[in-house]
PDB file of N, CA and C in Angstrom:
ATOM      1  N   MET A   1      19.593   9.306  21.504  1.00  0.00           N
ATOM      2  CA  MET A   1      19.283   7.974  21.946  1.00  0.00           C
ATOM      3  C   MET A   1      20.550   7.365  22.545  1.00  0.00           C
ATOM      4  N   SER A   2      20.404   6.765  23.689  1.00  0.00           N
ATOM      5  CA  SER A   2      21.570   6.194  24.341  1.00  0.00           C
ATOM      6  C   SER A   2      21.975   4.887  23.677  1.00  0.00           C
ATOM      7  N   THR A   3      23.227   4.484  23.917  1.00  0.00           N
ATOM      8  CA  THR A   3      23.697   3.227  23.355  1.00  0.00           C
ATOM      9  C   THR A   3      23.214   2.070  24.220  1.00  0.00           C
ATOM     10  N   PHE A   4      23.083   0.918  23.595  1.00  0.00           N
ATOM     11  CA  PHE A   4      22.614  -0.271  24.299  1.00  0.00           C
ATOM     12  C   PHE A   4      23.779  -0.929  25.021  1.00  0.00           C
ATOM     13  N   THR A   5      23.579  -1.268  26.266  1.00  0.00           N
ATOM     14  CA  THR A   5      24.621  -1.932  27.052  1.00  0.00           C
ATOM     15  C   THR A   5      24.457  -3.442  26.935  1.00  0.00           C
ATOM     16  N   ARG A   6      25.496  -4.153  27.349  1.00  0.00           N
ATOM     17  CA  ARG A   6      25.465  -5.613  27.335  1.00  0.00           C
ATOM     18  C   ARG A   6      24.323  -6.124  28.215  1.00  0.00           C
ATOM     19  N   GLU A   7      24.111  -5.463  29.339  1.00  0.00           N
ATOM     20  CA  GLU A   7      23.049  -5.877  30.261  1.00  0.00           C
ATOM     21  C   GLU A   7      21.662  -5.712  29.626  1.00  0.00           C
ATOM     22  N   GLU A   8      21.467  -4.621  28.871  1.00  0.00           N
ATOM     23  CA  GLU A   8      20.181  -4.408  28.206  1.00  0.00           C
ATOM     24  C   GLU A   8      19.931  -5.467  27.131  1.00  0.00           C
ATOM     25  N   ILE A   9      20.975  -5.830  26.396  1.00  0.00           N
ATOM     26  CA  ILE A   9      20.828  -6.861  25.368  1.00  0.00           C
ATOM     27  C   ILE A   9      20.481  -8.197  26.026  1.00  0.00           C
ATOM     28  N   THR A  10      21.159  -8.520  27.120  1.00  0.00           N
ATOM     29  CA  THR A  10      20.873  -9.758  27.846  1.00  0.00           C
ATOM     30  C   THR A  10      19.445  -9.746  28.364  1.00  0.00           C
ATOM     31  N   HIS A  11      18.999  -8.593  28.880  1.00  0.00           N
ATOM     32  CA  HIS A  11      17.625  -8.459  29.383  1.00  0.00           C
ATOM     33  C   HIS A  11      16.612  -8.658  28.254  1.00  0.00           C
ATOM     34  N   LEU A  12      16.878  -8.066  27.079  1.00  0.00           N
ATOM     35  CA  LEU A  12      15.986  -8.244  25.926  1.00  0.00           C
ATOM     36  C   LEU A  12      15.907  -9.713  25.528  1.00  0.00           C
ATOM     37  N   GLY A  13      17.033 -10.398  25.538  1.00  0.00           N
ATOM     38  CA  GLY A  13      17.049 -11.824  25.235  1.00  0.00           C
ATOM     39  C   GLY A  13      16.220 -12.613  26.236  1.00  0.00           C
ATOM     40  N   ASP A  14      16.337 -12.261  27.517  1.00  0.00           N
ATOM     41  CA  ASP A  14      15.539 -12.931  28.556  1.00  0.00           C
ATOM     42  C   ASP A  14      14.048 -12.680  28.352  1.00  0.00           C
ATOM     43  N   LEU A  15      13.688 -11.440  28.017  1.00  0.00           N
ATOM     44  CA  LEU A  15      12.279 -11.117  27.786  1.00  0.00           C
ATOM     45  C   LEU A  15      11.716 -11.912  26.614  1.00  0.00           C
ATOM     46  N   ALA A  16      12.542 -12.094  25.577  1.00  0.00           N
ATOM     47  CA  ALA A  16      12.103 -12.838  24.393  1.00  0.00           C
ATOM     48  C   ALA A  16      12.287 -14.342  24.579  1.00  0.00           C
ATOM     49  N   ARG A  17      12.827 -14.720  25.730  1.00  0.00           N
ATOM     50  CA  ARG A  17      13.103 -16.131  26.035  1.00  0.00           C
ATOM     51  C   ARG A  17      14.026 -16.741  24.986  1.00  0.00           C
ATOM     52  N   ILE A  18      15.075 -15.965  24.653  1.00  0.00           N
ATOM     53  CA  ILE A  18      16.090 -16.413  23.703  1.00  0.00           C
ATOM     54  C   ILE A  18      17.422 -16.468  24.450  1.00  0.00           C
ATOM     55  N   ALA A  19      18.062 -17.617  24.425  1.00  0.00           N
ATOM     56  CA  ALA A  19      19.379 -17.763  25.041  1.00  0.00           C
ATOM     57  C   ALA A  19      20.412 -17.234  24.052  1.00  0.00           C
ATOM     58  N   LEU A  20      21.063 -16.139  24.417  1.00  0.00           N
ATOM     59  CA  LEU A  20      22.057 -15.525  23.543  1.00  0.00           C
ATOM     60  C   LEU A  20      23.456 -15.912  23.981  1.00  0.00           C
ATOM     61  N   THR A  21      24.280 -16.242  23.007  1.00  0.00           N
ATOM     62  CA  THR A  21      25.690 -16.510  23.305  1.00  0.00           C
ATOM     63  C   THR A  21      26.409 -15.172  23.429  1.00  0.00           C
ATOM     64  N   GLU A  22      27.621 -15.213  23.954  1.00  0.00           N
ATOM     65  CA  GLU A  22      28.407 -13.990  24.093  1.00  0.00           C
ATOM     66  C   GLU A  22      28.631 -13.336  22.731  1.00  0.00           C
ATOM     67  N   LYS A  23      28.879 -14.156  21.714  1.00  0.00           N
ATOM     68  CA  LYS A  23      29.100 -13.637  20.361  1.00  0.00           C
ATOM     69  C   LYS A  23      27.837 -12.955  19.835  1.00  0.00           C
ATOM     70  N   GLU A  24      26.663 -13.544  20.098  1.00  0.00           N
ATOM     71  CA  GLU A  24      25.390 -12.957  19.651  1.00  0.00           C
ATOM     72  C   GLU A  24      25.096 -11.659  20.387  1.00  0.00           C
ATOM     73  N   ILE A  25      25.439 -11.614  21.666  1.00  0.00           N
ATOM     74  CA  ILE A  25      25.217 -10.386  22.447  1.00  0.00           C
ATOM     75  C   ILE A  25      26.045  -9.239  21.874  1.00  0.00           C
ATOM     76  N   VAL A  26      27.306  -9.509  21.562  1.00  0.00           N
ATOM     77  CA  VAL A  26      28.184  -8.475  21.000  1.00  0.00           C
ATOM     78  C   VAL A  26      27.658  -8.018  19.643  1.00  0.00           C
ATOM     79  N   ARG A  27      27.284  -8.988  18.787  1.00  0.00           N
ATOM     80  CA  ARG A  27      26.762  -8.631  17.453  1.00  0.00           C
ATOM     81  C   ARG A  27      25.466  -7.823  17.568  1.00  0.00           C
ATOM     82  N   MET A  28      24.560  -8.276  18.442  1.00  0.00           N
ATOM     83  CA  MET A  28      23.280  -7.583  18.631  1.00  0.00           C
ATOM     84  C   MET A  28      23.502  -6.169  19.169  1.00  0.00           C
ATOM     85  N   GLN A  29      24.462  -6.022  20.083  1.00  0.00           N
ATOM     86  CA  GLN A  29      24.767  -4.707  20.640  1.00  0.00           C
ATOM     87  C   GLN A  29      25.271  -3.775  19.544  1.00  0.00           C
ATOM     88  N   ASP A  30      26.165  -4.268  18.681  1.00  0.00           N
ATOM     89  CA  ASP A  30      26.671  -3.446  17.574  1.00  0.00           C
ATOM     90  C   ASP A  30      25.545  -3.041  16.629  1.00  0.00           C
ATOM     91  N   GLU A  31      24.680  -3.993  16.281  1.00  0.00           N
ATOM     92  CA  GLU A  31      23.592  -3.709  15.342  1.00  0.00           C
ATOM     93  C   GLU A  31      22.582  -2.727  15.921  1.00  0.00           C
ATOM     94  N   LEU A  32      22.184  -2.932  17.177  1.00  0.00           N
ATOM     95  CA  LEU A  32      21.203  -2.021  17.790  1.00  0.00           C
ATOM     96  C   LEU A  32      21.781  -0.624  17.979  1.00  0.00           C
ATOM     97  N   ASN A  33      23.060  -0.534  18.320  1.00  0.00           N
ATOM     98  CA  ASN A  33      23.682   0.784  18.447  1.00  0.00           C
ATOM     99  C   ASN A  33      23.783   1.476  17.094  1.00  0.00           C
ATOM    100  N   SER A  34      24.023   0.717  16.048  1.00  0.00           N
ATOM    101  CA  SER A  34      24.057   1.293  14.698  1.00  0.00           C
ATOM    102  C   SER A  34      22.668   1.817  14.302  1.00  0.00           C
ATOM    103  N   ILE A  35      21.637   1.062  14.631  1.00  0.00           N
ATOM    104  CA  ILE A  35      20.257   1.503  14.346  1.00  0.00           C
ATOM    105  C   ILE A  35      19.934   2.767  15.129  1.00  0.00           C
ATOM    106  N   ALA A  36      20.305   2.803  16.416  1.00  0.00           N
ATOM    107  CA  ALA A  36      20.050   3.986  17.248  1.00  0.00           C
ATOM    108  C   ALA A  36      20.784   5.202  16.693  1.00  0.00           C
ATOM    109  N   GLU A  37      21.997   4.993  16.205  1.00  0.00           N
ATOM    110  CA  GLU A  37      22.771   6.085  15.614  1.00  0.00           C
ATOM    111  C   GLU A  37      22.086   6.615  14.352  1.00  0.00           C
ATOM    112  N   SER A  38      21.554   5.720  13.545  1.00  0.00           N
ATOM    113  CA  SER A  38      20.835   6.130  12.333  1.00  0.00           C
ATOM    114  C   SER A  38      19.584   6.923  12.683  1.00  0.00           C
ATOM    115  N   ILE A  39      18.884   6.506  13.710  1.00  0.00           N
ATOM    116  CA  ILE A  39      17.681   7.226  14.151  1.00  0.00           C
ATOM    117  C   ILE A  39      18.057   8.630  14.610  1.00  0.00           C
ATOM    118  N   ASN A  40      19.152   8.755  15.340  1.00  0.00           N
ATOM    119  CA  ASN A  40      19.603  10.079  15.774  1.00  0.00           C
ATOM    120  C   ASN A  40      19.903  10.979  14.587  1.00  0.00           C
ATOM    121  N   THR A  41      20.520  10.413  13.551  1.00  0.00           N
ATOM    122  CA  THR A  41      20.845  11.201  12.353  1.00  0.00           C
ATOM    123  C   THR A  41      19.577  11.694  11.672  1.00  0.00           C
ATOM    124  N   VAL A  42      18.594  10.821  11.556  1.00  0.00           N
ATOM    125  CA  VAL A  42      17.326  11.213  10.920  1.00  0.00           C
ATOM    126  C   VAL A  42      16.630  12.286  11.740  1.00  0.00           C
ATOM    127  N   GLN A  43      16.652  12.161  13.053  1.00  0.00           N
ATOM    128  CA  GLN A  43      15.999  13.151  13.904  1.00  0.00           C
ATOM    129  C   GLN A  43      16.673  14.510  13.813  1.00  0.00           C
ATOM    130  N   GLU A  44      17.970  14.537  13.557  1.00  0.00           N
ATOM    131  CA  GLU A  44      18.666  15.816  13.398  1.00  0.00           C
ATOM    132  C   GLU A  44      18.245  16.503  12.097  1.00  0.00           C
ATOM    133  N   VAL A  45      17.983  15.725  11.056  1.00  0.00           N
ATOM    134  CA  VAL A  45      17.633  16.281   9.749  1.00  0.00           C
ATOM    135  C   VAL A  45      16.186  16.747   9.718  1.00  0.00           C
ATOM    136  N   ALA A  46      15.293  15.991  10.322  1.00  0.00           N
ATOM    137  CA  ALA A  46      13.865  16.334  10.291  1.00  0.00           C
ATOM    138  C   ALA A  46      13.641  17.675  10.978  1.00  0.00           C
ATOM    139  N   THR A  47      12.899  18.558  10.309  1.00  0.00           N
ATOM    140  CA  THR A  47      12.600  19.870  10.886  1.00  0.00           C
ATOM    141  C   THR A  47      11.096  20.063  10.970  1.00  0.00           C
ATOM    142  N   ASP A  48      10.698  20.985  11.788  1.00  0.00           N
ATOM    143  CA  ASP A  48       9.267  21.240  11.997  1.00  0.00           C
ATOM    144  C   ASP A  48       8.602  21.894  10.795  1.00  0.00           C
ATOM    145  N   ASP A  49       9.368  22.575   9.938  1.00  0.00           N
ATOM    146  CA  ASP A  49       8.769  23.278   8.811  1.00  0.00           C
ATOM    147  C   ASP A  49       8.572  22.387   7.579  1.00  0.00           C
ATOM    148  N   VAL A  50       8.874  21.110   7.683  1.00  0.00           N
ATOM    149  CA  VAL A  50       8.688  20.189   6.564  1.00  0.00           C
ATOM    150  C   VAL A  50       7.325  19.512   6.704  1.00  0.00           C
ATOM    151  N   GLN A  51       6.516  19.639   5.673  1.00  0.00           N
ATOM    152  CA  GLN A  51       5.187  19.042   5.692  1.00  0.00           C
ATOM    153  C   GLN A  51       5.297  17.517   5.623  1.00  0.00           C
ATOM    154  N   PRO A  52       4.552  16.791   6.456  1.00  0.00           N
ATOM    155  CA  PRO A  52       4.571  15.333   6.346  1.00  0.00           C
ATOM    156  C   PRO A  52       3.922  14.898   5.031  1.00  0.00           C
ATOM    157  N   THR A  53       4.489  13.881   4.407  1.00  0.00           N
ATOM    158  CA  THR A  53       3.939  13.396   3.146  1.00  0.00           C
ATOM    159  C   THR A  53       3.784  11.884   3.196  1.00  0.00           C
ATOM    160  N   ALA A  54       2.713  11.407   2.606  1.00  0.00           N
ATOM    161  CA  ALA A  54       2.505   9.962   2.479  1.00  0.00           C
ATOM    162  C   ALA A  54       3.104   9.487   1.167  1.00  0.00           C
ATOM    163  N   ASN A  55       3.145  10.387   0.187  1.00  0.00           N
ATOM    164  CA  ASN A  55       3.682  10.047  -1.119  1.00  0.00           C
ATOM    165  C   ASN A  55       4.381  11.294  -1.660  1.00  0.00           C
ATOM    166  N   PRO A  56       5.634  11.189  -2.076  1.00  0.00           N
ATOM    167  CA  PRO A  56       6.336  12.390  -2.549  1.00  0.00           C
ATOM    168  C   PRO A  56       5.790  12.944  -3.856  1.00  0.00           C
ATOM    169  N   VAL A  57       5.082  12.123  -4.609  1.00  0.00           N
ATOM    170  CA  VAL A  57       4.501  12.564  -5.871  1.00  0.00           C
ATOM    171  C   VAL A  57       2.999  12.717  -5.668  1.00  0.00           C
ATOM    172  N   PRO A  58       2.430  13.897  -5.949  1.00  0.00           N
ATOM    173  CA  PRO A  58       0.995  14.064  -5.750  1.00  0.00           C
ATOM    174  C   PRO A  58       0.200  13.106  -6.646  1.00  0.00           C
ATOM    175  N   LEU A  59      -0.753  12.424  -6.042  1.00  0.00           N
ATOM    176  CA  LEU A  59      -1.589  11.502  -6.801  1.00  0.00           C
ATOM    177  C   LEU A  59      -2.893  12.190  -7.155  1.00  0.00           C
ATOM    178  N   GLU A  60      -3.199  12.196  -8.431  1.00  0.00           N
ATOM    179  CA  GLU A  60      -4.437  12.811  -8.895  1.00  0.00           C
ATOM    180  C   GLU A  60      -5.146  11.841  -9.825  1.00  0.00           C
ATOM    181  N   ALA A  61      -6.446  11.871  -9.784  1.00  0.00           N
ATOM    182  CA  ALA A  61      -7.224  11.046 -10.708  1.00  0.00           C
ATOM    183  C   ALA A  61      -7.353  11.835 -12.010  1.00  0.00           C
ATOM    184  N   TYR A  62      -6.813  11.265 -13.066  1.00  0.00           N
ATOM    185  CA  TYR A  62      -6.876  11.932 -14.359  1.00  0.00           C
ATOM    186  C   TYR A  62      -8.114  11.432 -15.095  1.00  0.00           C
ATOM    187  N   LEU A  63      -9.210  12.134 -14.906  1.00  0.00           N
ATOM    188  CA  LEU A  63     -10.477  11.771 -15.512  1.00  0.00           C
ATOM    189  C   LEU A  63     -10.884  12.833 -16.516  1.00  0.00           C
ATOM    190  N   ARG A  64     -11.589  12.384 -17.526  1.00  0.00           N
ATOM    191  CA  ARG A  64     -12.089  13.350 -18.496  1.00  0.00           C
ATOM    192  C   ARG A  64     -13.246  14.120 -17.852  1.00  0.00           C
ATOM    193  N   PRO A  65     -13.516  15.306 -18.329  1.00  0.00           N
ATOM    194  CA  PRO A  65     -14.642  16.071 -17.776  1.00  0.00           C
ATOM    195  C   PRO A  65     -15.960  15.331 -18.036  1.00  0.00           C
ATOM    196  N   ASP A  66     -16.859  15.402 -17.099  1.00  0.00           N
ATOM    197  CA  ASP A  66     -18.165  14.773 -17.242  1.00  0.00           C
ATOM    198  C   ASP A  66     -19.068  15.727 -18.019  1.00  0.00           C
ATOM    199  N   VAL A  67     -19.244  15.419 -19.317  1.00  0.00           N
ATOM    200  CA  VAL A  67     -20.036  16.275 -20.193  1.00  0.00           C
ATOM    201  C   VAL A  67     -21.256  15.488 -20.662  1.00  0.00           C
ATOM    202  N   ALA A  68     -22.416  16.059 -20.474  1.00  0.00           N
ATOM    203  CA  ALA A  68     -23.652  15.389 -20.905  1.00  0.00           C
ATOM    204  C   ALA A  68     -23.698  15.304 -22.423  1.00  0.00           C
ATOM    205  N   GLN A  69     -24.084  14.139 -22.931  1.00  0.00           N
ATOM    206  CA  GLN A  69     -24.210  13.946 -24.372  1.00  0.00           C
ATOM    207  C   GLN A  69     -25.566  13.330 -24.671  1.00  0.00           C
ATOM    208  N   LYS A  70     -25.982  13.469 -25.901  1.00  0.00           N
ATOM    209  CA  LYS A  70     -27.252  12.908 -26.337  1.00  0.00           C
ATOM    210  C   LYS A  70     -27.125  11.376 -26.364  1.00  0.00           C
ATOM    211  N   PRO A  71     -28.038  10.640 -25.729  1.00  0.00           N
ATOM    212  CA  PRO A  71     -27.939   9.178 -25.709  1.00  0.00           C
ATOM    213  C   PRO A  71     -28.274   8.580 -27.075  1.00  0.00           C
ATOM    214  N   LEU A  72     -27.888   7.308 -27.254  1.00  0.00           N
ATOM    215  CA  LEU A  72     -28.219   6.599 -28.486  1.00  0.00           C
ATOM    216  C   LEU A  72     -29.717   6.330 -28.544  1.00  0.00           C
ATOM    217  N   THR A  73     -30.225   6.322 -29.741  1.00  0.00           N
ATOM    218  CA  THR A  73     -31.618   5.904 -29.914  1.00  0.00           C
ATOM    219  C   THR A  73     -31.645   4.377 -29.866  1.00  0.00           C
ATOM    220  N   GLN A  74     -32.846   3.810 -29.748  1.00  0.00           N
ATOM    221  CA  GLN A  74     -32.964   2.353 -29.713  1.00  0.00           C
ATOM    222  C   GLN A  74     -32.437   1.749 -31.014  1.00  0.00           C
ATOM    223  N   GLU A  75     -32.731   2.376 -32.113  1.00  0.00           N
ATOM    224  CA  GLU A  75     -32.266   1.862 -33.394  1.00  0.00           C
ATOM    225  C   GLU A  75     -30.733   1.892 -33.488  1.00  0.00           C
ATOM    226  N   GLN A  76     -30.120   2.965 -33.005  1.00  0.00           N
ATOM    227  CA  GLN A  76     -28.658   3.067 -33.036  1.00  0.00           C
ATOM    228  C   GLN A  76     -28.021   2.001 -32.139  1.00  0.00           C
ATOM    229  N   ALA A  77     -28.607   1.782 -30.962  1.00  0.00           N
ATOM    230  CA  ALA A  77     -28.061   0.800 -30.034  1.00  0.00           C
ATOM    231  C   ALA A  77     -28.160  -0.605 -30.612  1.00  0.00           C
ATOM    232  N   LEU A  78     -29.245  -0.916 -31.309  1.00  0.00           N
ATOM    233  CA  LEU A  78     -29.459  -2.249 -31.868  1.00  0.00           C
ATOM    234  C   LEU A  78     -28.812  -2.441 -33.237  1.00  0.00           C
ATOM    235  N   SER A  79     -28.239  -1.388 -33.801  1.00  0.00           N
ATOM    236  CA  SER A  79     -27.738  -1.466 -35.172  1.00  0.00           C
ATOM    237  C   SER A  79     -26.613  -2.501 -35.348  1.00  0.00           C
ATOM    238  N   GLY A  80     -25.830  -2.764 -34.337  1.00  0.00           N
ATOM    239  CA  GLY A  80     -24.739  -3.724 -34.467  1.00  0.00           C
ATOM    240  C   GLY A  80     -25.069  -5.097 -33.926  1.00  0.00           C
ATOM    241  N   ALA A  81     -26.304  -5.306 -33.460  1.00  0.00           N
ATOM    242  CA  ALA A  81     -26.671  -6.591 -32.878  1.00  0.00           C
ATOM    243  C   ALA A  81     -26.809  -7.653 -33.965  1.00  0.00           C
ATOM    244  N   PRO A  82     -26.209  -8.843 -33.768  1.00  0.00           N
ATOM    245  CA  PRO A  82     -26.358  -9.893 -34.776  1.00  0.00           C
ATOM    246  C   PRO A  82     -27.791 -10.406 -34.848  1.00  0.00           C
ATOM    247  N   VAL A  83     -28.483 -10.454 -33.696  1.00  0.00           N
ATOM    248  CA  VAL A  83     -29.879 -10.906 -33.671  1.00  0.00           C
ATOM    249  C   VAL A  83     -30.654  -9.965 -32.753  1.00  0.00           C
ATOM    250  N   LYS A  84     -31.803  -9.502 -33.251  1.00  0.00           N
ATOM    251  CA  LYS A  84     -32.672  -8.634 -32.440  1.00  0.00           C
ATOM    252  C   LYS A  84     -34.114  -9.024 -32.690  1.00  0.00           C
ATOM    253  N   GLU A  85     -34.942  -8.768 -31.675  1.00  0.00           N
ATOM    254  CA  GLU A  85     -36.353  -9.137 -31.793  1.00  0.00           C
ATOM    255  C   GLU A  85     -37.178  -8.202 -30.919  1.00  0.00           C
ATOM    256  N   ASP A  86     -38.220  -7.625 -31.467  1.00  0.00           N
ATOM    257  CA  ASP A  86     -39.121  -6.716 -30.756  1.00  0.00           C
ATOM    258  C   ASP A  86     -38.362  -5.588 -30.041  1.00  0.00           C
ATOM    259  N   GLY A  87     -37.339  -5.035 -30.707  1.00  0.00           N
ATOM    260  CA  GLY A  87     -36.607  -3.900 -30.136  1.00  0.00           C
ATOM    261  C   GLY A  87     -35.650  -4.285 -29.022  1.00  0.00           C
ATOM    262  N   MET A  88     -35.257  -5.577 -28.923  1.00  0.00           N
ATOM    263  CA  MET A  88     -34.341  -6.028 -27.870  1.00  0.00           C
ATOM    264  C   MET A  88     -33.252  -6.913 -28.472  1.00  0.00           C
ATOM    265  N   PHE A  89     -32.143  -7.023 -27.757  1.00  0.00           N
ATOM    266  CA  PHE A  89     -31.084  -7.943 -28.142  1.00  0.00           C
ATOM    267  C   PHE A  89     -31.555  -9.364 -27.885  1.00  0.00           C
ATOM    268  N   VAL A  90     -31.167 -10.296 -28.739  1.00  0.00           N
ATOM    269  CA  VAL A  90     -31.464 -11.712 -28.524  1.00  0.00           C
ATOM    270  C   VAL A  90     -30.125 -12.400 -28.252  1.00  0.00           C
ATOM    271  N   ALA A  91     -30.072 -13.116 -27.130  1.00  0.00           N
ATOM    272  CA  ALA A  91     -28.852 -13.831 -26.748  1.00  0.00           C
ATOM    273  C   ALA A  91     -29.224 -15.269 -26.430  1.00  0.00           C
ATOM    274  N   PRO A  92     -28.287 -16.193 -26.577  1.00  0.00           N
ATOM    275  CA  PRO A  92     -28.593 -17.582 -26.270  1.00  0.00           C
ATOM    276  C   PRO A  92     -28.861 -17.764 -24.771  1.00  0.00           C
ATOM    277  N   ARG A  93     -29.731 -18.691 -24.458  1.00  0.00           N
ATOM    278  CA  ARG A  93     -30.053 -18.978 -23.061  1.00  0.00           C
ATOM    279  C   ARG A  93     -28.852 -19.670 -22.424  1.00  0.00           C
ATOM    280  N   ILE A  94     -28.444 -19.194 -21.240  1.00  0.00           N
ATOM    281  CA  ILE A  94     -27.296 -19.815 -20.576  1.00  0.00           C
ATOM    282  C   ILE A  94     -27.707 -20.528 -19.297  1.00  0.00           C
ATOM    283  N   LEU A  95     -28.896 -20.281 -18.826  1.00  0.00           N
ATOM    284  CA  LEU A  95     -29.403 -20.969 -17.648  1.00  0.00           C
ATOM    285  C   LEU A  95     -30.435 -21.999 -18.084  1.00  0.00           C
ATOM    286  N   GLY A  96     -30.833 -22.863 -17.173  1.00  0.00           N
ATOM    287  CA  GLY A  96     -31.805 -23.897 -17.487  1.00  0.00           C
ATOM    288  C   GLY A  96     -33.141 -23.298 -17.872  1.00  0.00           C
ATOM    289  N   GLU A  97     -33.990 -24.136 -18.412  1.00  0.00           N
ATOM    290  CA  GLU A  97     -35.331 -23.712 -18.825  1.00  0.00           C
ATOM    291  C   GLU A  97     -36.114 -23.210 -17.615  1.00  0.00           C
ATOM    292  N   GLU A  98     -36.940 -22.226 -17.848  1.00  0.00           N
ATOM    293  CA  GLU A  98     -37.766 -21.687 -16.763  1.00  0.00           C
ATOM    294  C   GLU A  98     -39.219 -21.988 -17.026  1.00  0.00           C
TER     295      GLU A  98
END
């Protein structure tokens, strides 16, 4: 990647409609050249034989095996209910009268 010139920095400022002072142009040039240098370093390290990864640690869903079991009987399901009637749970009414 080539280094950024003073003219390119001034042009970028014009495109963004930002009036840059001489001090800002010099600082921006140093920062952008440093970024370009870092990009060059990364590109030198990256090789074609490295698999792209979204996450360095494999993500897996740790779920228990799905094993069929015998369901509860109605009596077992209702055994802990504080109030039951005609084989059903009884709960207080929370909506208006119907």
